[in-house]
Amino acid sequence: MKKYYKRDAESDLGFGTVYLEFDGEWATRQVEKYGERWFCSNVEYHEDIGPALVDQPLSVLELSIENEISLFEFEEAWEQAIRYGN
């Protein structure tokens, strides 16, 4: 069963938001937004393409019920990243 989460993030790009899709224990898609810059998940990070998927299982990440979001909210973020991403 897929689950969706949103959390605050910090990277070399500054402070932002990460949206995560998990199928069981492992992330299947990821979106990050820093300011007006959107990124979609890729196999590995590349400055011009975007972030890699989180490499830790859901059970070890500090995500709680407060971080859970709907499929609809995740898909909105995914579409924004596809449309406006780098």
Protein backbone atom coordinates (compact mmCIF):
# COMPACT_ATOMS: atom_id res chain seq x y z
CA MET A 1 0.00 0.00 0.00
CA LYS A 2 1.36 3.39 -0.96
CA LYS A 3 1.70 6.19 1.59
CA TYR A 4 2.54 9.84 1.06
CA TYR A 5 4.44 12.26 3.26
CA LYS A 6 5.59 15.87 3.34
CA ARG A 7 8.34 17.32 5.51
CA ASP A 8 10.62 20.32 5.79
CA ALA A 9 14.07 19.95 4.30
CA GLU A 10 17.42 21.70 4.18
CA SER A 11 20.04 21.26 1.47
CA ASP A 12 22.71 23.17 -0.42
CA LEU A 13 19.75 24.87 -2.11
CA GLY A 14 18.43 26.23 1.19
CA PHE A 15 15.26 25.43 3.12
CA GLY A 16 12.43 23.70 1.34
CA THR A 17 9.83 20.95 1.32
CA VAL A 18 10.13 17.28 0.40
CA TYR A 19 7.17 15.19 -0.78
CA LEU A 20 7.65 11.42 -0.63
CA GLU A 21 5.76 8.44 -2.01
CA PHE A 22 6.44 5.06 -0.38
CA ASP A 23 5.37 1.63 -1.54
CA GLY A 24 5.93 -0.44 1.56
CA GLU A 25 9.30 0.45 3.06
CA TRP A 26 10.93 2.10 0.04
CA ALA A 27 10.44 5.45 -1.66
CA THR A 28 9.17 5.24 -5.23
CA ARG A 29 8.88 8.94 -6.08
CA GLN A 30 10.14 12.15 -4.49
CA VAL A 31 9.62 15.86 -5.11
CA GLU A 32 11.62 18.69 -3.57
CA LYS A 33 10.91 22.41 -3.69
CA TYR A 34 13.39 25.10 -2.67
CA GLY A 35 12.07 28.61 -3.20
CA GLU A 36 10.66 28.57 -6.73
CA ARG A 37 12.81 25.62 -7.86
CA TRP A 38 11.15 22.21 -8.25
CA PHE A 39 12.94 18.86 -8.57
CA CYS A 40 11.66 15.33 -9.33
CA SER A 41 13.33 12.15 -8.14
CA ASN A 42 16.00 10.51 -10.23
CA VAL A 43 18.36 7.64 -9.70
CA GLU A 44 21.12 9.97 -8.55
CA TYR A 45 21.43 13.66 -7.74
CA HIS A 46 22.54 15.99 -10.47
CA GLU A 47 22.53 19.78 -10.11
CA ASP A 48 20.45 20.27 -13.26
CA ILE A 49 18.14 17.27 -12.85
CA GLY A 50 17.26 16.96 -9.19
CA PRO A 51 17.45 14.73 -6.14
CA ALA A 52 17.87 11.02 -5.84
CA LEU A 53 15.30 9.02 -3.93
CA VAL A 54 15.78 8.86 -0.20
CA ASP A 55 17.86 5.74 0.44
CA GLN A 56 16.51 4.77 3.86
CA PRO A 57 13.45 2.63 4.54
CA LEU A 58 10.31 4.28 5.87
CA SER A 59 10.69 2.53 9.24
CA VAL A 60 13.91 4.40 10.07
CA LEU A 61 12.84 7.84 8.85
CA GLU A 62 11.38 10.19 11.39
CA LEU A 63 8.01 10.58 9.66
CA SER A 64 4.83 10.58 11.70
CA ILE A 65 1.10 10.76 11.14
CA GLU A 66 1.48 14.55 11.11
CA ASN A 67 3.67 14.23 8.01
CA GLU A 68 1.15 12.11 6.07
CA ILE A 69 -0.56 13.71 3.09
CA SER A 70 -3.10 12.56 0.54
CA LEU A 71 -2.36 11.07 -2.85
CA PHE A 72 -3.99 14.19 -4.32
CA GLU A 73 -1.55 16.54 -2.53
CA PHE A 74 1.42 14.44 -3.64
CA GLU A 75 0.21 14.35 -7.26
CA GLU A 76 -0.23 18.13 -7.25
CA ALA A 77 3.39 18.55 -6.14
CA TRP A 78 4.56 15.96 -8.70
CA GLU A 79 2.76 17.79 -11.53
CA GLN A 80 4.24 21.13 -10.43
CA ALA A 81 7.72 19.60 -10.43
CA ILE A 82 7.20 18.12 -13.90
CA ARG A 83 5.84 21.43 -15.23
CA TYR A 84 8.30 23.83 -13.58
CA GLY A 85 11.21 21.60 -12.58
CA ASN A 86 14.82 21.99 -13.49
